[in-house]
Amino acid sequence: MEQKDSAGGHSHQGDLARLQGSAREVERWQTAQQHVLGGRFSHAIGGYSDLVKRFPGVAQLWFELGIAAVGDLDFKLAGEALGFAADLARGDATLLILVGQQYHRLRRLDKARDCFQRAVAADPTSVSARVSLADWNERERRLDDAMENIEACLAVHPGDEQARYFRAFLLYRKGRQAEAETALRQLTKVILHDPNVRVSSRHLLGVVLDELGQYTEAIQWLREAKAQLRQIRDLGALEREYDKGAQQRKQLVAGLTRATLERWREEVPELANRKLALLGGHPRSGTTLLEQVLGAHPQVLAFDESEAFVNEISNQLAPTQSFKPLTAPALDAVDATRLGTLRQRYLKSFLREAQAELNASVLVDKNPSTTSSLHLFLRVFGNLKVIVALRDPRDTIISCYFQNLTLTSANVNFLSLERTARHYADMMDIWLRLRDLGGFEWIETRYEDMVGDLESEGRRVTEFLGLTWHPGQAAYHETARNKFVFAPTYNDVTKPVYTRAMKRWEHYAEALEPVKGQLATYCKAFGYRD
């Protein structure tokens, strides 16, 4: 696909004016957008391809074509379209930020960084551009560069709430907790117009106080932050969506049998020359640590927080918008042709960033949320090897409560300890049911054992994958420093194993009292003392 620039006879502004002046072409554009929103990506690509031929100077068209191509798993076209969009948007900081975010989704990290840098160059006074680049710098552990961008932003906009919050966050990341505490307390004492900053500043203050050992006040600030969030967002719909889905999953798994799972395993062909493993467990159970340890093995290709399963398997077999819930018989009845298509699309999406590393003999998909839908994964890949990370349920609950995550129907549960405990029970009940049925290969590994003896526990899990322990796995944190880690715990895994996260719940025993009885069931099931 070729693009002509203005020197080649096209005027970018002229193209946009011509497009906006034609009701018919605007209607075609809107139709293409509706195809994207409806998940009909191939139809959208056809519409956008025609439009960019007629109006090659409209950056927004190229950008939306890139989004459609990502949805259709045409990563080559997506890269080309986003590249054209970025070139055309050289003076548009807002669009460059959006293009950078799509490159992030594609896991083309150099391209993403370049877009954020170009956004700042396009408008050095833009708060969004400066904060976006600072955020990227921080994720790459370039904290001084991040602070430089925030200071430059504050020099022009000294009262900007987002920049002030991010400066406090960087102080926290630099280990300057006393300064971070002071900056955050200042933010909590003024009227903040940005609701996200109002929530995040209180939440981060709770995190900082936790590190400073001020546990009683820490959890008070977390509660206030979550209460603030409930004031600015109607969370009822998300909670109802989650509750409905959890009940449907419970009913489906109750209808499965060991014989069914064994038959699925026999029906599914082996992957050519490699094995696929799921690394699951409840969020905040040590999955990222284990993924980094396994990923340091030269024969393992490990991915953290891939969207492949959700987009290409879960959303296809059990779409949340469906009026008819998926049942065990319906899942069992999925035909071989459809299963083959799902496998192909999953692997294509999963390997989007790894074309140069396909010599790996083991692929590891690390994604805790997938545990709730393990039955779907086993239907498509019956010979899947399953690794479930365990951690003291009480530590897990507290750690989830301390997260400030983008709200989804799952993450909305982390706004109260009661719903966090319910989420834990829902997910681990799925695992316990499937574990009891058997019919597939699985292993459990405890975070506490990994922390206590990294090589011994890491070796045990590595051998489960059919591999021998590699000395480089013990130095996983050195490898992690040179990687972009997508998980929320990206900062923690760059450090050697530490023990301070063990028994953390004891500082919050009083707050956990209302859910203590519920968690006792899982403490017993997984070998943790009350």
Protein backbone atom coordinates (compact mmCIF):
# COMPACT_ATOMS: atom_id res chain seq x y z
CA MET A 1 0.00 0.00 0.00
CA GLU A 2 1.53 3.30 -1.11
CA GLN A 3 1.01 6.73 0.32
CA LYS A 4 1.61 9.97 -1.59
CA ASP A 5 2.61 12.99 0.43
CA SER A 6 1.87 16.59 -0.33
CA ALA A 7 5.00 16.84 -2.49
CA GLY A 8 3.53 14.10 -4.64
CA GLY A 9 0.43 16.08 -5.42
CA HIS A 10 -1.80 15.66 -2.36
CA SER A 11 -2.70 18.31 0.18
CA HIS A 12 -3.34 16.81 3.59
CA GLN A 13 -5.73 19.59 4.61
CA GLY A 14 -7.28 19.49 1.15
CA ASP A 15 -7.99 15.77 1.48
CA LEU A 16 -9.64 16.30 4.83
CA ALA A 17 -11.75 19.17 3.50
CA ARG A 18 -12.86 17.11 0.49
CA LEU A 19 -13.76 14.15 2.71
CA GLN A 20 -15.73 16.27 5.15
CA GLY A 21 -17.47 18.01 2.28
CA SER A 22 -18.87 14.80 0.85
CA ALA A 23 -21.86 13.41 2.72
CA ARG A 24 -21.50 10.09 0.90
CA GLU A 25 -17.86 9.64 1.90
CA VAL A 26 -18.54 10.66 5.49
CA GLU A 27 -21.27 8.01 5.57
CA ARG A 28 -18.79 5.41 4.29
CA TRP A 29 -16.36 6.47 7.01
CA GLN A 30 -19.04 6.10 9.66
CA THR A 31 -19.95 2.66 8.30
CA ALA A 32 -16.32 1.56 8.58
CA GLN A 33 -16.22 2.83 12.16
CA GLN A 34 -19.36 0.85 12.99
CA HIS A 35 -17.74 -2.29 11.57
CA VAL A 36 -14.78 -1.80 13.93
CA LEU A 37 -17.06 -1.28 16.92
CA GLY A 38 -18.98 -4.41 15.96
CA GLY A 39 -15.83 -6.51 15.59
CA ARG A 40 -16.28 -6.90 11.81
CA PHE A 41 -12.69 -5.99 11.11
CA SER A 42 -12.33 -7.43 7.61
CA HIS A 43 -15.34 -5.41 6.45
CA ALA A 44 -13.86 -2.31 8.08
CA ILE A 45 -10.53 -2.84 6.32
CA GLY A 46 -12.27 -2.92 2.96
CA GLY A 47 -14.01 0.39 3.65
CA TYR A 48 -10.92 2.11 5.03
CA SER A 49 -8.73 0.84 2.19
CA ASP A 50 -11.02 2.51 -0.33
CA LEU A 51 -11.13 5.72 1.70
CA VAL A 52 -7.35 6.07 2.09
CA LYS A 53 -6.91 5.60 -1.64
CA ARG A 54 -9.23 8.53 -2.25
CA PHE A 55 -8.02 10.64 0.67
CA PRO A 56 -4.43 9.57 1.40
CA GLY A 57 -3.66 12.71 3.38
CA VAL A 58 -6.15 12.10 6.22
CA ALA A 59 -4.16 10.79 9.17
CA GLN A 60 -7.27 9.74 11.10
CA LEU A 61 -8.28 7.34 8.32
CA TRP A 62 -4.88 5.64 8.42
CA PHE A 63 -5.04 5.45 12.20
CA GLU A 64 -8.46 3.79 12.17
CA LEU A 65 -7.32 1.42 9.40
CA GLY A 66 -4.48 0.42 11.72
CA ILE A 67 -6.94 -0.35 14.52
CA ALA A 68 -9.05 -2.48 12.16
CA ALA A 69 -5.96 -4.33 10.95
CA VAL A 70 -4.90 -5.13 14.53
CA GLY A 71 -8.37 -6.57 15.14
CA ASP A 72 -8.07 -8.66 11.97
CA LEU A 73 -4.57 -9.84 13.06
CA ASP A 74 -3.03 -8.34 9.94
CA PHE A 75 -0.05 -6.95 11.82
CA LYS A 76 1.89 -6.01 8.69
CA LEU A 77 -0.94 -3.81 7.44
CA ALA A 78 -1.44 -2.42 10.95
CA GLY A 79 2.20 -1.36 11.16
CA GLU A 80 2.10 0.28 7.74
CA ALA A 81 -1.16 2.14 8.41
CA LEU A 82 -0.03 3.39 11.80
CA GLY A 83 3.26 4.49 10.27
CA PHE A 84 1.43 6.58 7.67
CA ALA A 85 -0.80 8.02 10.40
CA ALA A 86 2.21 9.04 12.49
CA ASP A 87 3.94 10.69 9.52
CA LEU A 88 0.84 12.62 8.56
CA ALA A 89 0.20 13.65 12.17
CA ARG A 90 3.68 15.07 12.68
CA GLY A 91 2.20 18.29 14.10
CA ASP A 92 -0.73 16.69 15.95
CA ALA A 93 0.39 15.71 19.45
CA THR A 94 -2.98 14.20 20.36
CA LEU A 95 -3.08 11.81 17.41
CA LEU A 96 0.58 10.89 17.85
CA ILE A 97 -0.20 9.82 21.42
CA LEU A 98 -3.05 7.64 20.17
CA VAL A 99 -0.83 6.07 17.53
CA GLY A 100 1.78 5.40 20.20
CA GLN A 101 -0.81 3.61 22.30
CA GLN A 102 -1.71 1.36 19.37
CA TYR A 103 1.95 0.56 18.77
CA HIS A 104 2.11 -0.37 22.45
CA ARG A 105 -0.80 -2.74 21.88
CA LEU A 106 1.11 -4.24 18.94
CA ARG A 107 4.13 -4.54 21.27
CA ARG A 108 6.25 -2.55 18.84
CA LEU A 109 7.93 -0.69 21.62
CA ASP A 110 10.45 1.37 19.66
CA LYS A 111 7.66 2.71 17.47
CA ALA A 112 5.53 3.54 20.51
CA ARG A 113 8.36 5.42 22.21
CA ASP A 114 9.08 7.33 19.00
CA CYS A 115 5.45 8.47 18.75
CA PHE A 116 5.45 9.79 22.32
CA GLN A 117 8.72 11.62 21.67
CA ARG A 118 7.30 13.09 18.46
CA ALA A 119 4.20 14.21 20.34
CA VAL A 120 6.38 16.25 22.69
CA ALA A 121 8.33 17.65 19.74
CA ALA A 122 5.05 18.61 18.05
CA ASP A 123 3.84 20.50 21.14
CA PRO A 124 6.35 20.84 24.00
CA THR A 125 3.70 22.66 26.08
CA SER A 126 1.17 19.82 25.87
CA VAL A 127 0.48 18.25 29.26
CA SER A 128 -0.79 15.05 27.63
CA ALA A 129 2.32 14.71 25.49
CA ARG A 130 4.71 15.33 28.39
CA VAL A 131 2.88 12.99 30.76
CA SER A 132 2.56 10.27 28.10
CA LEU A 133 6.28 10.36 27.42
CA ALA A 134 7.08 10.49 31.14
CA ASP A 135 4.81 7.51 31.71
CA TRP A 136 6.66 5.59 28.98
CA ASN A 137 10.04 6.61 30.42
CA GLU A 138 8.94 5.32 33.81
CA ARG A 139 7.81 1.98 32.39
CA GLU A 140 11.25 1.66 30.82
CA ARG A 141 12.78 2.50 34.22
CA ARG A 142 14.27 5.76 32.93
CA LEU A 143 13.13 7.66 35.98
CA ASP A 144 15.40 10.68 35.49
CA ASP A 145 14.09 11.17 31.95
CA ALA A 146 10.55 10.86 33.23
CA MET A 147 11.15 13.45 35.93
CA GLU A 148 12.74 15.80 33.41
CA ASN A 149 9.59 15.69 31.29
CA ILE A 150 7.34 16.29 34.27
CA GLU A 151 9.46 19.19 35.52
CA ALA A 152 9.34 20.71 32.02
CA CYS A 153 5.57 20.34 32.07
CA LEU A 154 5.26 21.96 35.50
CA ALA A 155 7.49 24.83 34.41
CA VAL A 156 4.79 25.76 31.89
CA HIS A 157 1.76 24.53 33.86
CA PRO A 158 2.79 24.76 37.53
CA GLY A 159 -0.67 23.96 38.84
CA ASP A 160 -1.52 21.08 36.53
CA GLU A 161 -3.02 18.35 38.69
CA GLN A 162 -2.01 15.41 36.50
CA ALA A 163 1.62 16.55 36.33
CA ARG A 164 1.76 17.19 40.07
CA TYR A 165 0.42 13.72 40.77
CA PHE A 166 2.87 12.10 38.38
CA ARG A 167 5.76 13.94 40.01
CA ALA A 168 4.71 12.48 43.36
CA PHE A 169 4.46 9.05 41.73
CA LEU A 170 8.01 9.38 40.40
CA LEU A 171 9.26 10.35 43.85
CA TYR A 172 7.67 7.15 45.12
CA ARG A 173 9.29 5.14 42.34
CA LYS A 174 12.66 6.67 43.17
CA GLY A 175 12.30 5.51 46.77
CA ARG A 176 11.92 9.06 48.12
CA GLN A 177 8.88 8.13 50.15
CA ALA A 178 8.93 11.02 52.61
CA GLU A 179 8.93 13.54 49.74
CA ALA A 180 6.21 11.57 47.95
CA GLU A 181 4.10 11.58 51.11
CA THR A 182 4.44 15.36 51.43
CA ALA A 183 3.51 15.97 47.80
CA LEU A 184 0.50 13.65 48.00
CA ARG A 185 -0.79 15.14 51.24
CA GLN A 186 -0.66 18.55 49.57
CA LEU A 187 -2.80 17.21 46.73
CA THR A 188 -5.37 15.76 49.12
CA LYS A 189 -5.76 19.11 50.89
CA VAL A 190 -6.84 21.09 47.82
CA ILE A 191 -9.90 20.90 45.61
CA LEU A 192 -8.92 18.74 42.65
CA HIS A 193 -10.95 19.15 39.49
CA ASP A 194 -9.57 16.02 37.81
CA PRO A 195 -11.50 13.09 39.36
CA ASN A 196 -8.82 10.59 38.34
CA VAL A 197 -6.15 12.58 40.15
CA ARG A 198 -8.45 12.89 43.16
CA VAL A 199 -8.69 9.09 43.34
CA SER A 200 -5.11 8.25 42.38
CA SER A 201 -3.47 10.70 44.78
CA ARG A 202 -5.35 9.20 47.73
CA HIS A 203 -4.64 5.68 46.56
CA LEU A 204 -0.93 6.29 46.10
CA LEU A 205 -0.75 7.97 49.50
CA GLY A 206 -2.06 4.72 50.98
CA VAL A 207 0.63 2.76 49.12
CA VAL A 208 3.38 5.12 50.30
CA LEU A 209 2.20 4.97 53.90
CA ASP A 210 2.18 1.18 53.70
CA GLU A 211 5.85 1.23 52.72
CA LEU A 212 6.55 3.65 55.56
CA GLY A 213 4.92 1.24 58.02
CA GLN A 214 1.91 3.44 58.78
CA TYR A 215 -0.59 0.64 58.16
CA THR A 216 -3.68 1.99 59.91
CA GLU A 217 -3.63 5.26 57.98
CA ALA A 218 -2.61 3.49 54.78
CA ILE A 219 -5.80 1.46 54.57
CA GLN A 220 -7.87 4.48 55.54
CA TRP A 221 -6.58 6.35 52.49
CA LEU A 222 -7.23 3.35 50.27
CA ARG A 223 -10.81 3.23 51.49
CA GLU A 224 -11.25 6.94 50.81
CA ALA A 225 -9.79 6.57 47.32
CA LYS A 226 -12.18 3.75 46.48
CA ALA A 227 -15.10 5.67 47.98
CA GLN A 228 -14.20 8.64 45.77
CA LEU A 229 -14.19 6.37 42.75
CA ARG A 230 -17.68 5.16 43.57
CA GLN A 231 -18.84 8.79 43.65
CA ILE A 232 -17.62 9.53 40.13
CA ARG A 233 -18.45 6.21 38.46
CA ASP A 234 -21.61 4.15 38.35
CA LEU A 235 -20.08 0.77 39.11
CA GLY A 236 -23.31 -1.19 39.45
CA ALA A 237 -23.37 -2.26 35.80
CA LEU A 238 -19.81 -3.62 35.97
CA GLU A 239 -20.57 -5.50 39.18
CA ARG A 240 -23.73 -7.02 37.72
CA GLU A 241 -21.84 -8.04 34.57
CA TYR A 242 -19.21 -9.75 36.67
CA ASP A 243 -21.73 -11.51 38.94
CA LYS A 244 -23.69 -12.82 35.96
CA GLY A 245 -20.55 -14.14 34.26
CA ALA A 246 -19.25 -15.75 37.46
CA GLN A 247 -22.52 -17.62 37.98
CA GLN A 248 -22.56 -18.84 34.37
CA ARG A 249 -18.96 -20.08 34.60
CA LYS A 250 -19.73 -21.92 37.84
CA GLN A 251 -22.71 -23.68 36.27
CA LEU A 252 -20.75 -24.61 33.14
CA VAL A 253 -17.81 -26.11 35.03
CA ALA A 254 -20.19 -28.06 37.29
CA GLY A 255 -21.46 -29.82 34.16
CA LEU A 256 -18.03 -31.06 33.04
CA THR A 257 -16.67 -34.54 33.69
CA ARG A 258 -13.22 -36.06 33.72
CA ALA A 259 -14.14 -38.16 30.71
CA THR A 260 -15.00 -35.00 28.78
CA LEU A 261 -11.68 -33.34 29.58
CA GLU A 262 -9.78 -36.51 28.65
CA ARG A 263 -11.61 -36.70 25.32
CA TRP A 264 -10.80 -33.05 24.58
CA ARG A 265 -7.16 -33.83 25.15
CA GLU A 266 -7.28 -36.77 22.74
CA GLU A 267 -9.14 -34.79 20.07
CA VAL A 268 -6.76 -31.84 19.94
CA PRO A 269 -3.62 -32.23 17.80
CA GLU A 270 -0.25 -31.48 19.36
CA LEU A 271 1.44 -28.22 18.39
CA ALA A 272 4.23 -28.74 15.92
CA ASN A 273 7.64 -28.83 17.65
CA ARG A 274 6.54 -26.98 20.77
CA LYS A 275 4.36 -27.06 23.88
CA LEU A 276 1.92 -24.47 25.14
CA ALA A 277 1.57 -23.73 28.84
CA LEU A 278 -0.80 -21.46 30.73
CA LEU A 279 0.59 -19.74 33.80
CA GLY A 280 -2.45 -18.80 35.85
CA GLY A 281 -3.65 -18.41 39.41
CA HIS A 282 -5.34 -15.48 41.09
CA PRO A 283 -3.91 -12.02 40.38
CA ARG A 284 -1.15 -11.04 42.80
CA SER A 285 -0.15 -14.65 43.47
CA GLY A 286 3.38 -14.42 42.08
CA THR A 287 2.62 -15.14 38.42
CA THR A 288 4.84 -12.35 37.12
CA LEU A 289 7.80 -13.52 39.19
CA LEU A 290 7.41 -17.07 37.91
CA GLU A 291 6.92 -15.90 34.33
CA GLN A 292 10.20 -14.00 34.47
CA VAL A 293 12.02 -17.01 35.96
CA LEU A 294 10.66 -19.32 33.24
CA GLY A 295 11.16 -16.73 30.52
CA ALA A 296 14.87 -16.50 31.36
CA HIS A 297 15.26 -20.06 30.02
CA PRO A 298 16.62 -20.01 26.45
CA GLN A 299 14.03 -22.56 25.26
CA VAL A 300 11.03 -20.72 26.72
CA LEU A 301 9.15 -17.89 25.08
CA ALA A 302 7.02 -16.33 27.83
CA PHE A 303 4.43 -13.59 27.36
CA ASP A 304 2.87 -11.50 30.08
CA GLU A 305 -0.67 -10.15 29.86
CA SER A 306 -1.24 -11.17 26.23
CA GLU A 307 -4.68 -10.29 24.87
CA ALA A 308 -4.71 -13.34 22.58
CA PHE A 309 -6.82 -15.65 24.74
CA VAL A 310 -9.46 -13.05 25.60
CA ASN A 311 -9.85 -11.79 22.04
CA GLU A 312 -9.48 -14.99 20.06
CA ILE A 313 -10.93 -17.68 22.36
CA SER A 314 -12.93 -16.31 25.29
CA ASN A 315 -14.75 -13.57 23.36
CA GLN A 316 -15.51 -16.03 20.55
CA LEU A 317 -16.78 -18.95 22.63
CA ALA A 318 -18.40 -17.02 25.46
CA PRO A 319 -19.02 -13.39 24.44
CA THR A 320 -20.18 -11.25 27.33
CA GLN A 321 -22.92 -9.62 25.24
CA SER A 322 -24.54 -12.97 24.39
CA PHE A 323 -28.08 -13.45 25.67
CA LYS A 324 -27.61 -17.22 25.69
CA PRO A 325 -24.99 -18.39 28.20
CA LEU A 326 -22.51 -21.04 27.13
CA THR A 327 -23.26 -24.46 28.62
CA ALA A 328 -21.12 -27.56 29.08
CA PRO A 329 -22.90 -29.47 26.28
CA ALA A 330 -22.57 -26.50 23.91
CA LEU A 331 -18.86 -26.16 24.68
CA ASP A 332 -18.39 -29.88 24.13
CA ALA A 333 -20.22 -29.65 20.80
CA VAL A 334 -17.91 -27.05 19.22
CA ASP A 335 -16.80 -28.65 15.95
CA ALA A 336 -13.24 -29.39 14.91
CA THR A 337 -13.18 -26.80 12.13
CA ARG A 338 -14.06 -23.97 14.47
CA LEU A 339 -11.59 -25.21 17.07
CA GLY A 340 -8.88 -25.22 14.42
CA THR A 341 -9.68 -21.63 13.47
CA LEU A 342 -9.59 -20.54 17.11
CA ARG A 343 -6.20 -22.22 17.59
CA GLN A 344 -4.76 -20.54 14.51
CA ARG A 345 -6.01 -17.09 15.46
CA TYR A 346 -4.85 -17.46 19.05
CA LEU A 347 -1.32 -18.45 18.03
CA LYS A 348 -1.14 -15.70 15.41
CA SER A 349 -2.18 -13.09 17.96
CA PHE A 350 -0.03 -14.57 20.71
CA LEU A 351 3.12 -14.55 18.57
CA ARG A 352 2.65 -11.05 17.18
CA GLU A 353 5.91 -9.80 18.72
CA ALA A 354 8.03 -12.92 18.51
CA GLN A 355 8.65 -13.74 14.87
CA ALA A 356 12.42 -13.82 15.44
CA GLU A 357 12.20 -16.18 18.42
CA LEU A 358 10.12 -19.08 17.17
CA ASN A 359 12.86 -21.59 17.90
CA ALA A 360 11.53 -21.80 21.47
CA SER A 361 10.20 -25.25 22.37
CA VAL A 362 7.82 -24.00 25.06
CA LEU A 363 5.38 -21.10 24.88
CA VAL A 364 4.13 -19.73 28.19
CA ASP A 365 1.01 -17.56 28.31
CA LYS A 366 1.05 -15.78 31.68
CA ASN A 367 -2.34 -14.31 32.41
CA PRO A 368 -4.01 -14.78 35.80
CA SER A 369 -7.45 -13.71 34.57
CA THR A 370 -7.52 -16.70 32.22
CA THR A 371 -7.85 -19.03 35.20
CA SER A 372 -11.57 -18.24 35.40
CA SER A 373 -11.96 -19.49 31.84
CA LEU A 374 -9.53 -22.40 31.96
CA HIS A 375 -12.27 -24.70 30.67
CA LEU A 376 -12.37 -22.69 27.43
CA PHE A 377 -8.62 -22.92 27.06
CA LEU A 378 -8.73 -26.69 27.58
CA ARG A 379 -11.46 -27.04 24.95
CA VAL A 380 -9.26 -25.41 22.33
CA PHE A 381 -5.91 -26.76 23.55
CA GLY A 382 -6.73 -30.00 25.35
CA ASN A 383 -3.03 -30.83 25.74
CA LEU A 384 -2.33 -27.53 27.45
CA LYS A 385 0.09 -27.71 30.37
CA VAL A 386 -1.34 -25.72 33.29
CA ILE A 387 0.74 -24.00 35.97
CA VAL A 388 -1.23 -22.44 38.83
CA ALA A 389 0.58 -20.01 41.12
CA LEU A 390 -0.61 -20.01 44.71
CA ARG A 391 -0.05 -17.53 47.52
CA ASP A 392 -1.51 -17.17 50.98
CA PRO A 393 -5.10 -16.07 50.17
CA ARG A 394 -4.93 -13.33 52.80
CA ASP A 395 -1.80 -11.81 51.25
CA THR A 396 -3.38 -12.15 47.83
CA ILE A 397 -6.52 -10.29 48.90
CA ILE A 398 -4.58 -7.44 50.51
CA SER A 399 -2.28 -7.12 47.51
CA CYS A 400 -5.24 -6.91 45.11
CA TYR A 401 -6.88 -4.28 47.30
CA PHE A 402 -3.72 -2.18 47.04
CA GLN A 403 -3.91 -2.10 43.24
CA ASN A 404 -5.16 0.95 41.36
CA LEU A 405 -6.19 -0.65 38.08
CA THR A 406 -8.26 0.35 35.08
CA LEU A 407 -11.83 -0.56 35.89
CA THR A 408 -13.20 -3.70 34.23
CA SER A 409 -15.92 -6.12 35.26
CA ALA A 410 -13.19 -8.13 37.05
CA ASN A 411 -11.13 -5.30 38.57
CA VAL A 412 -14.20 -3.57 39.95
CA ASN A 413 -14.18 -6.27 42.63
CA PHE A 414 -10.95 -4.88 44.07
CA LEU A 415 -12.77 -1.81 45.40
CA SER A 416 -13.76 -3.64 48.57
CA LEU A 417 -12.19 -6.44 50.55
CA GLU A 418 -15.51 -8.28 50.55
CA ARG A 419 -15.80 -8.35 46.76
CA THR A 420 -12.10 -9.08 46.41
CA ALA A 421 -12.61 -12.17 48.57
CA ARG A 422 -15.63 -13.13 46.46
CA HIS A 423 -13.59 -12.76 43.28
CA TYR A 424 -10.87 -14.94 44.79
CA ALA A 425 -13.43 -17.60 45.73
CA ASP A 426 -15.05 -17.54 42.28
CA MET A 427 -11.75 -17.97 40.47
CA MET A 428 -10.21 -20.56 42.76
CA ASP A 429 -13.45 -22.58 42.86
CA ILE A 430 -13.08 -22.98 39.09
CA TRP A 431 -9.52 -24.18 39.60
CA LEU A 432 -10.39 -26.56 42.44
CA ARG A 433 -13.21 -28.09 40.40
CA LEU A 434 -11.02 -28.66 37.34
CA ARG A 435 -8.12 -29.87 39.48
CA ASP A 436 -10.37 -32.46 41.07
CA LEU A 437 -11.68 -33.61 37.69
CA GLY A 438 -8.20 -34.00 36.20
CA GLY A 439 -7.75 -35.23 32.66
CA PHE A 440 -5.07 -32.64 31.84
CA GLU A 441 -1.51 -31.88 32.96
CA TRP A 442 -1.17 -29.44 35.84
CA ILE A 443 1.13 -28.33 38.61
CA GLU A 444 0.71 -25.92 41.53
CA THR A 445 3.54 -23.74 42.80
CA ARG A 446 3.54 -21.58 45.92
CA TYR A 447 4.91 -18.06 45.95
CA GLU A 448 6.33 -18.65 49.41
CA ASP A 449 8.30 -21.68 48.14
CA MET A 450 9.63 -19.67 45.22
CA VAL A 451 10.80 -16.91 47.55
CA GLY A 452 12.22 -19.40 50.02
CA ASP A 453 14.25 -21.38 47.49
CA LEU A 454 14.09 -19.93 44.00
CA GLU A 455 16.21 -22.55 42.28
CA SER A 456 14.54 -25.57 43.89
CA GLU A 457 10.98 -24.43 43.13
CA GLY A 458 11.92 -22.91 39.78
CA ARG A 459 13.61 -26.16 38.79
CA ARG A 460 10.49 -28.16 39.71
CA VAL A 461 8.26 -26.03 37.47
CA THR A 462 10.83 -25.94 34.68
CA GLU A 463 11.02 -29.74 34.68
CA PHE A 464 7.21 -29.90 34.51
CA LEU A 465 7.60 -28.16 31.15
CA GLY A 466 10.00 -30.89 30.02
CA LEU A 467 13.11 -28.73 30.36
CA THR A 468 16.18 -28.72 32.59
CA TRP A 469 17.02 -25.80 34.86
CA HIS A 470 19.24 -23.16 33.25
CA PRO A 471 21.65 -21.11 35.41
CA GLY A 472 20.38 -17.88 33.82
CA GLN A 473 16.98 -18.42 35.42
CA ALA A 474 18.37 -17.61 38.86
CA ALA A 475 19.36 -14.17 37.54
CA TYR A 476 15.91 -13.51 36.06
CA HIS A 477 15.87 -9.95 37.47
CA GLU A 478 18.91 -9.04 35.39
CA THR A 479 17.08 -10.15 32.25
CA ALA A 480 13.91 -8.34 33.34
CA ARG A 481 15.76 -5.02 33.57
CA ASN A 482 16.31 -5.18 29.82
CA LYS A 483 12.70 -6.09 29.02
CA PHE A 484 9.47 -4.14 28.84
CA VAL A 485 7.23 -5.92 31.33
CA PHE A 486 3.52 -5.43 30.65
CA ALA A 487 2.19 -6.67 34.00
CA PRO A 488 1.23 -4.15 36.73
CA THR A 489 4.10 -5.54 38.82
CA TYR A 490 6.67 -4.56 36.18
CA ASN A 491 8.84 -2.79 38.75
CA ASP A 492 8.98 -5.60 41.32
CA VAL A 493 10.40 -8.25 38.99
CA THR A 494 13.55 -6.25 38.28
CA LYS A 495 14.67 -6.89 41.85
CA PRO A 496 16.11 -10.05 43.41
CA VAL A 497 13.63 -12.20 45.33
CA TYR A 498 12.52 -10.50 48.54
CA THR A 499 10.44 -11.68 51.50
CA ARG A 500 8.73 -8.48 52.66
CA ALA A 501 5.52 -9.35 50.80
CA MET A 502 5.07 -12.52 52.88
CA LYS A 503 2.70 -12.31 55.86
CA ARG A 504 1.86 -8.75 54.81
CA TRP A 505 -1.74 -9.46 55.66
CA GLU A 506 -0.93 -9.50 59.36
CA HIS A 507 -0.66 -5.69 59.27
CA TYR A 508 -4.29 -5.63 58.07
CA ALA A 509 -5.75 -8.48 60.12
CA GLU A 510 -8.48 -6.27 61.52
CA ALA A 511 -9.61 -5.13 58.08
CA LEU A 512 -9.66 -8.77 56.90
CA GLU A 513 -11.80 -9.93 59.83
CA PRO A 514 -15.12 -9.80 57.87
CA VAL A 515 -13.76 -12.19 55.20
CA LYS A 516 -11.59 -14.35 57.46
CA GLY A 517 -14.07 -17.22 57.57
CA GLN A 518 -14.53 -17.24 53.79
CA LEU A 519 -10.78 -17.29 53.17
CA ALA A 520 -10.23 -20.09 55.71
CA THR A 521 -11.66 -22.58 53.21
CA TYR A 522 -8.96 -21.73 50.69
CA CYS A 523 -6.18 -21.49 53.26
CA LYS A 524 -6.99 -25.10 54.10
CA ALA A 525 -7.35 -26.20 50.46
CA PHE A 526 -3.94 -24.79 49.54
CA GLY A 527 -2.08 -25.65 52.74
CA TYR A 528 -1.93 -22.30 54.53
CA ARG A 529 -2.48 -22.13 58.27
CA ASP A 530 -5.24 -19.93 59.68
